[in-house]
C-alpha atoms as a PDB file:
ATOM      1  CA  MET A   1     -21.153  -2.816 -43.188  1.00  0.00           C
ATOM      2  CA  LYS A   2     -21.933   0.854 -43.718  1.00  0.00           C
ATOM      3  CA  LYS A   3     -23.749   1.011 -40.352  1.00  0.00           C
ATOM      4  CA  THR A   4     -20.732  -0.526 -38.625  1.00  0.00           C
ATOM      5  CA  LEU A   5     -18.368   2.058 -40.094  1.00  0.00           C
ATOM      6  CA  ILE A   6     -20.681   4.893 -39.068  1.00  0.00           C
ATOM      7  CA  LEU A   7     -20.923   3.468 -35.551  1.00  0.00           C
ATOM      8  CA  ILE A   8     -17.128   3.210 -35.302  1.00  0.00           C
ATOM      9  CA  ALA A   9     -16.719   6.760 -36.607  1.00  0.00           C
ATOM     10  CA  LEU A  10     -19.153   8.065 -33.986  1.00  0.00           C
ATOM     11  CA  CYS A  11     -17.779   6.076 -31.055  1.00  0.00           C
ATOM     12  CA  LEU A  12     -14.050   6.285 -31.708  1.00  0.00           C
ATOM     13  CA  PRO A  13     -13.539   9.885 -30.471  1.00  0.00           C
ATOM     14  CA  ALA A  14     -15.385   9.130 -27.232  1.00  0.00           C
ATOM     15  CA  LEU A  15     -13.393   5.945 -26.731  1.00  0.00           C
ATOM     16  CA  LEU A  16     -10.102   7.757 -27.276  1.00  0.00           C
ATOM     17  CA  LEU A  17     -11.034  10.515 -24.831  1.00  0.00           C
ATOM     18  CA  THR A  18     -11.884   8.039 -22.083  1.00  0.00           C
ATOM     19  CA  GLN A  19      -8.573   6.251 -22.597  1.00  0.00           C
ATOM     20  CA  CYS A  20      -6.707   9.503 -21.973  1.00  0.00           C
ATOM     21  CA  ALA A  21      -8.499  10.303 -18.741  1.00  0.00           C
ATOM     22  CA  PRO A  22      -6.305  10.203 -15.632  1.00  0.00           C
ATOM     23  CA  LYS A  23      -6.594   6.998 -13.692  1.00  0.00           C
ATOM     24  CA  THR A  24      -6.507   6.698  -9.938  1.00  0.00           C
ATOM     25  CA  VAL A  25      -5.052   3.683  -8.226  1.00  0.00           C
ATOM     26  CA  GLY A  26      -5.894   2.555  -4.720  1.00  0.00           C
ATOM     27  CA  LYS A  27      -6.150   5.147  -1.975  1.00  0.00           C
ATOM     28  CA  SER A  28      -4.954   8.139  -3.999  1.00  0.00           C
ATOM     29  CA  SER A  29      -7.196  10.546  -2.110  1.00  0.00           C
ATOM     30  CA  VAL A  30      -5.715   9.501   1.248  1.00  0.00           C
ATOM     31  CA  THR A  31      -2.549  11.388   2.135  1.00  0.00           C
ATOM     32  CA  VAL A  32       0.370   9.851   3.988  1.00  0.00           C
ATOM     33  CA  VAL A  33      -0.402  12.054   6.978  1.00  0.00           C
ATOM     34  CA  ASP A  34      -3.997  10.766   6.982  1.00  0.00           C
ATOM     35  CA  GLU A  35      -2.837   7.170   6.756  1.00  0.00           C
ATOM     36  CA  VAL A  36      -0.359   7.561   9.625  1.00  0.00           C
ATOM     37  CA  ALA A  37      -3.017   9.281  11.737  1.00  0.00           C
ATOM     38  CA  GLU A  38      -5.452   6.456  10.968  1.00  0.00           C
ATOM     39  CA  MET A  39      -2.890   3.824  11.981  1.00  0.00           C
ATOM     40  CA  ASN A  40      -2.101   5.720  15.177  1.00  0.00           C
ATOM     41  CA  LYS A  41      -5.809   5.776  16.088  1.00  0.00           C
ATOM     42  CA  LYS A  42      -6.316   2.112  15.268  1.00  0.00           C
ATOM     43  CA  TYR A  43      -3.259   0.749  17.106  1.00  0.00           C
ATOM     44  CA  THR A  44      -1.902   1.615  20.540  1.00  0.00           C
ATOM     45  CA  ASP A  45       1.757   2.227  21.341  1.00  0.00           C
ATOM     46  CA  ALA A  46       1.868  -1.240  22.921  1.00  0.00           C
ATOM     47  CA  GLN A  47       0.475  -2.833  19.764  1.00  0.00           C
ATOM     48  CA  ARG A  48       3.004  -0.997  17.603  1.00  0.00           C
ATOM     49  CA  ALA A  49       5.742  -2.267  19.961  1.00  0.00           C
ATOM     50  CA  ASP A  50       4.358  -5.782  19.420  1.00  0.00           C
ATOM     51  CA  GLY A  51       4.557  -5.112  15.679  1.00  0.00           C
ATOM     52  CA  LYS A  52       8.229  -4.226  16.042  1.00  0.00           C
ATOM     53  CA  ALA A  53       8.812  -7.482  17.925  1.00  0.00           C
ATOM     54  CA  VAL A  54       7.043  -9.500  15.211  1.00  0.00           C
ATOM     55  CA  TYR A  55       9.014  -7.641  12.529  1.00  0.00           C
ATOM     56  CA  THR A  56      12.295  -8.340  14.288  1.00  0.00           C
ATOM     57  CA  GLY A  57      11.456 -11.958  15.054  1.00  0.00           C
ATOM     58  CA  TYR A  58      10.251 -12.962  11.598  1.00  0.00           C
ATOM     59  CA  CYS A  59      11.986 -10.710   9.097  1.00  0.00           C
ATOM     60  CA  GLU A  60      15.498 -11.180  10.467  1.00  0.00           C
ATOM     61  CA  LYS A  61      15.268 -14.913   9.775  1.00  0.00           C
ATOM     62  CA  CYS A  62      15.574 -14.331   6.020  1.00  0.00           C
ATOM     63  CA  HIS A  63      17.351 -10.996   5.518  1.00  0.00           C
ATOM     64  CA  GLN A  64      18.855  -7.963   7.193  1.00  0.00           C
ATOM     65  CA  LEU A  65      16.404  -5.740   8.983  1.00  0.00           C
ATOM     66  CA  TYR A  66      15.577  -2.457   7.332  1.00  0.00           C
ATOM     67  CA  GLN A  67      14.615   0.524   9.407  1.00  0.00           C
ATOM     68  CA  PRO A  68      11.092   1.733   8.594  1.00  0.00           C
ATOM     69  CA  SER A  69      12.530   5.194   7.894  1.00  0.00           C
ATOM     70  CA  GLU A  70      14.538   3.775   4.977  1.00  0.00           C
ATOM     71  CA  PHE A  71      11.365   3.607   2.862  1.00  0.00           C
ATOM     72  CA  THR A  72       8.290   5.737   2.305  1.00  0.00           C
ATOM     73  CA  VAL A  73       4.786   4.648   3.296  1.00  0.00           C
ATOM     74  CA  LYS A  74       4.058   3.989  -0.384  1.00  0.00           C
ATOM     75  CA  GLU A  75       7.132   1.785  -0.706  1.00  0.00           C
ATOM     76  CA  TRP A  76       6.220  -0.157   2.441  1.00  0.00           C
ATOM     77  CA  ASP A  77       2.715  -0.644   1.078  1.00  0.00           C
ATOM     78  CA  ARG A  78       4.288  -2.421  -1.893  1.00  0.00           C
ATOM     79  CA  ILE A  79       6.785  -4.419   0.205  1.00  0.00           C
ATOM     80  CA  LEU A  80       4.735  -5.577   3.192  1.00  0.00           C
ATOM     81  CA  PRO A  81       1.990  -7.685   1.575  1.00  0.00           C
ATOM     82  CA  LYS A  82       4.518  -9.896  -0.192  1.00  0.00           C
ATOM     83  CA  MET A  83       6.826 -10.163   2.822  1.00  0.00           C
ATOM     84  CA  CYS A  84       4.002 -10.874   5.285  1.00  0.00           C
ATOM     85  CA  LYS A  85       2.821 -13.655   3.009  1.00  0.00           C
ATOM     86  CA  LYS A  86       6.345 -15.094   2.724  1.00  0.00           C
ATOM     87  CA  ALA A  87       6.725 -14.974   6.511  1.00  0.00           C
ATOM     88  CA  GLU A  88       3.310 -16.651   6.838  1.00  0.00           C
ATOM     89  CA  LEU A  89       2.104 -13.972   9.246  1.00  0.00           C
ATOM     90  CA  ASN A  90      -1.505 -14.173  10.304  1.00  0.00           C
ATOM     91  CA  PRO A  91      -3.597 -11.063   9.525  1.00  0.00           C
ATOM     92  CA  GLN A  92      -3.348  -9.787  13.103  1.00  0.00           C
ATOM     93  CA  ASP A  93       0.459  -9.955  13.211  1.00  0.00           C
ATOM     94  CA  ALA A  94       0.705  -8.507   9.702  1.00  0.00           C
ATOM     95  CA  GLY A  95      -1.448  -5.581  10.860  1.00  0.00           C
ATOM     96  CA  LEU A  96       0.781  -4.999  13.880  1.00  0.00           C
ATOM     97  CA  VAL A  97       3.899  -5.009  11.723  1.00  0.00           C
ATOM     98  CA  ARG A  98       2.304  -2.592   9.268  1.00  0.00           C
ATOM     99  CA  ALA A  99       1.213  -0.301  12.110  1.00  0.00           C
ATOM    100  CA  TRP A 100       4.764  -0.113  13.473  1.00  0.00           C
ATOM    101  CA  VAL A 101       6.362   0.308  10.071  1.00  0.00           C
ATOM    102  CA  ILE A 102       3.922   2.977   8.838  1.00  0.00           C
ATOM    103  CA  ALA A 103       4.235   4.947  12.084  1.00  0.00           C
ATOM    104  CA  ASN A 104       8.012   5.075  11.599  1.00  0.00           C
ATOM    105  CA  ALA A 105       8.290   5.277   7.801  1.00  0.00           C
ATOM    106  CA  LYS A 106       9.700   8.138   5.782  1.00  0.00           C
ATOM    107  CA  HIS A 107       6.829  10.549   5.113  1.00  0.00           C
ATOM    108  CA  ASN A 108       7.631  11.944   1.658  1.00  0.00           C
END
């Protein structure tokens, strides 16, 4: 019992310090500008236009269409996975939609 208490006394400060350390989530080191540039390299203008067509064709079936500029890239990154799943988009079409949306999103 005494050994356990000593062990707790020695480890507790280290445990508390690690719990207070800042945590990073996802792609925190990637800026919005970097992400947009990456999407623009990966997808052509024609592919982004296809993404707009997919967005219009699928999303309008269930709700009003939102302009990409109404939300930030971060907000779209939270919205799109759920909506693409609901719309039953295949990964290719989901990528095209994301490319169009990210290229036209609010960049703050």
